[in-house]
Structures are given as structure tokens and as C-alpha cells.
Amino acid sequence: LHRSRATAGRLPPPERDRRTARASNGLGRLGAKVEEKADGLVVCQSKLRGAAVKGYGDHRTIMALALAGLTASGETSIDTAEGINKTFPTFVETMYSLGAVIKKQ
């Protein structure tokens, strides 16, 4: 069993709770087994499948879900994906270079 831990310990509790819930929800919809902890998430090795997920306009959530979607079978759709422009305006081009097929709507 492979596990990866993402911590959010430095964030204020309301912000940490909001971010972990968002990430957990999106990754869960993609088929990931996710355990929410007080200071972050534990993501277990899972077979991912494409799904429609919410990005919540948060650039960190959108980029994490886009990378997860790249490894998923099937198509992944992320709403509010334009939120990535806040910190990584060349993200789409970088994803293209990794083999992603991105449809802008």
C-alpha cells in the first residue's frame, strides 16, 4: 500500500479545513482513497478515473486535480480552471508538454 501525506499544518484551522475538504472531495470523485487528518490528507494509492470535479477557483486545488486527472482513465473536467492564472499562467502549456489534452470551454 503506497501512501502520500499532504500537510496543511501552517494554515489557520478554517483555511486548512476548507482546503482539505476541497481536495478530498475532488480526489474522491476521481476514485482516490483519501483520509482527512487534523493537519492534512493521506492519499492512498488508487486507480483514478475521470470525473467532473470542482476547482472552487483555487489555483492549488485546480492544479492538483489537473495532475491527478492526467493519470486517470477517462476524461476529467474541472470547473473554474481559469483560477490557475493567478500563480501559474503557463500551466496549460506545461500540461500540454506532459501530454495532456486540454479543452478550453
Protein backbone atom coordinates (compact mmCIF):
# COMPACT_ATOMS: atom_id res chain seq x y z
CA LEU A 1 0.00 0.00 0.00
CA HIS A 2 1.51 3.31 -1.09
CA ARG A 3 0.50 6.43 0.78
CA SER A 4 1.36 10.07 0.37
CA ARG A 5 0.77 12.69 3.03
CA ALA A 6 -0.03 16.31 2.27
CA THR A 7 0.12 18.57 5.28
CA ALA A 8 -1.52 21.90 5.81
CA GLY A 9 -0.33 22.42 9.38
CA ARG A 10 0.77 26.05 8.98
CA LEU A 11 -2.59 27.25 7.75
CA PRO A 12 -5.19 28.68 10.13
CA PRO A 13 -7.75 25.97 11.05
CA PRO A 14 -10.67 27.34 8.95
CA GLU A 15 -8.45 27.68 5.85
CA ARG A 16 -6.89 24.25 6.44
CA ASP A 17 -10.31 22.62 6.84
CA ARG A 18 -11.64 24.28 3.69
CA ARG A 19 -8.67 23.26 1.56
CA THR A 20 -8.50 19.68 2.80
CA ALA A 21 -12.26 19.22 2.28
CA ARG A 22 -12.00 20.54 -1.28
CA ALA A 23 -9.01 18.37 -2.15
CA SER A 24 -10.56 15.32 -0.52
CA ASN A 25 -13.84 15.82 -2.38
CA GLY A 26 -12.18 16.23 -5.80
CA LEU A 27 -9.72 13.38 -5.37
CA GLY A 28 -12.50 11.17 -4.02
CA ARG A 29 -14.63 11.85 -7.11
CA LEU A 30 -11.65 10.71 -9.20
CA GLY A 31 -11.59 7.46 -7.23
CA ALA A 32 -8.77 8.15 -4.79
CA LYS A 33 -8.91 6.75 -1.29
CA VAL A 34 -8.34 9.81 0.86
CA GLU A 35 -8.15 10.07 4.64
CA GLU A 36 -8.65 13.52 6.13
CA LYS A 37 -6.43 14.19 9.14
CA ALA A 38 -6.27 17.16 11.51
CA ASP A 39 -3.21 18.54 9.71
CA GLY A 40 -3.85 17.48 6.11
CA LEU A 41 -4.62 14.49 3.91
CA VAL A 42 -3.34 10.97 3.44
CA VAL A 43 -3.84 9.81 -0.14
CA CYS A 44 -3.53 6.06 -0.69
CA GLN A 45 -2.51 4.51 -3.99
CA SER A 46 -5.69 4.27 -6.04
CA LYS A 47 -6.79 3.65 -9.61
CA LEU A 48 -8.15 7.00 -10.78
CA ARG A 49 -10.98 7.51 -13.24
CA GLY A 50 -12.04 10.70 -14.96
CA ALA A 51 -14.84 12.72 -13.41
CA ALA A 52 -16.30 16.22 -13.28
CA VAL A 53 -14.76 17.97 -10.27
CA LYS A 54 -14.93 21.40 -8.69
CA GLY A 55 -11.85 23.60 -8.66
CA TYR A 56 -13.50 26.21 -6.40
CA GLY A 57 -11.49 28.88 -8.23
CA ASP A 58 -8.49 27.88 -6.08
CA HIS A 59 -5.29 27.59 -8.12
CA ARG A 60 -3.76 24.97 -5.81
CA THR A 61 -6.82 22.74 -5.92
CA ILE A 62 -7.15 23.11 -9.70
CA MET A 63 -3.52 22.22 -10.38
CA ALA A 64 -3.61 19.20 -8.04
CA LEU A 65 -6.78 17.90 -9.69
CA ALA A 66 -5.36 18.51 -13.18
CA LEU A 67 -2.29 16.44 -12.38
CA ALA A 68 -4.43 13.69 -10.87
CA GLY A 69 -6.69 13.82 -13.93
CA LEU A 70 -3.69 13.37 -16.18
CA THR A 71 -3.13 9.92 -14.64
CA ALA A 72 -6.83 8.97 -14.59
CA SER A 73 -8.56 6.78 -17.14
CA GLY A 74 -11.24 8.73 -18.96
CA GLU A 75 -11.87 12.46 -19.13
CA THR A 76 -11.55 14.83 -16.18
CA SER A 77 -13.39 18.14 -16.23
CA ILE A 78 -12.52 20.91 -13.74
CA ASP A 79 -14.81 23.90 -13.31
CA THR A 80 -13.29 27.34 -12.59
CA ALA A 81 -9.99 26.13 -14.06
CA GLU A 82 -9.11 29.70 -15.07
CA GLY A 83 -8.08 30.15 -11.42
CA ILE A 84 -4.65 28.73 -12.30
CA ASN A 85 -3.76 32.01 -13.97
CA LYS A 86 -3.29 33.55 -10.52
CA THR A 87 0.11 31.93 -9.95
CA PHE A 88 0.98 29.81 -12.98
CA PRO A 89 -0.18 31.46 -16.23
CA THR A 90 1.76 28.92 -18.35
CA PHE A 91 0.24 25.90 -16.59
CA VAL A 92 -1.80 24.82 -19.64
CA GLU A 93 1.27 24.93 -21.88
CA THR A 94 3.22 22.94 -19.30
CA MET A 95 0.43 20.35 -19.16
CA TYR A 96 0.47 20.13 -22.98
CA SER A 97 4.19 19.36 -22.79
CA LEU A 98 3.35 16.44 -20.44
CA GLY A 99 0.91 15.01 -22.95
CA ALA A 100 -2.32 16.42 -21.57
CA VAL A 101 -5.23 17.07 -23.87
CA ILE A 102 -6.96 20.19 -22.59
CA LYS A 103 -10.18 21.59 -23.97
CA LYS A 104 -10.89 25.18 -23.04
CA GLN A 105 -14.58 25.98 -22.70
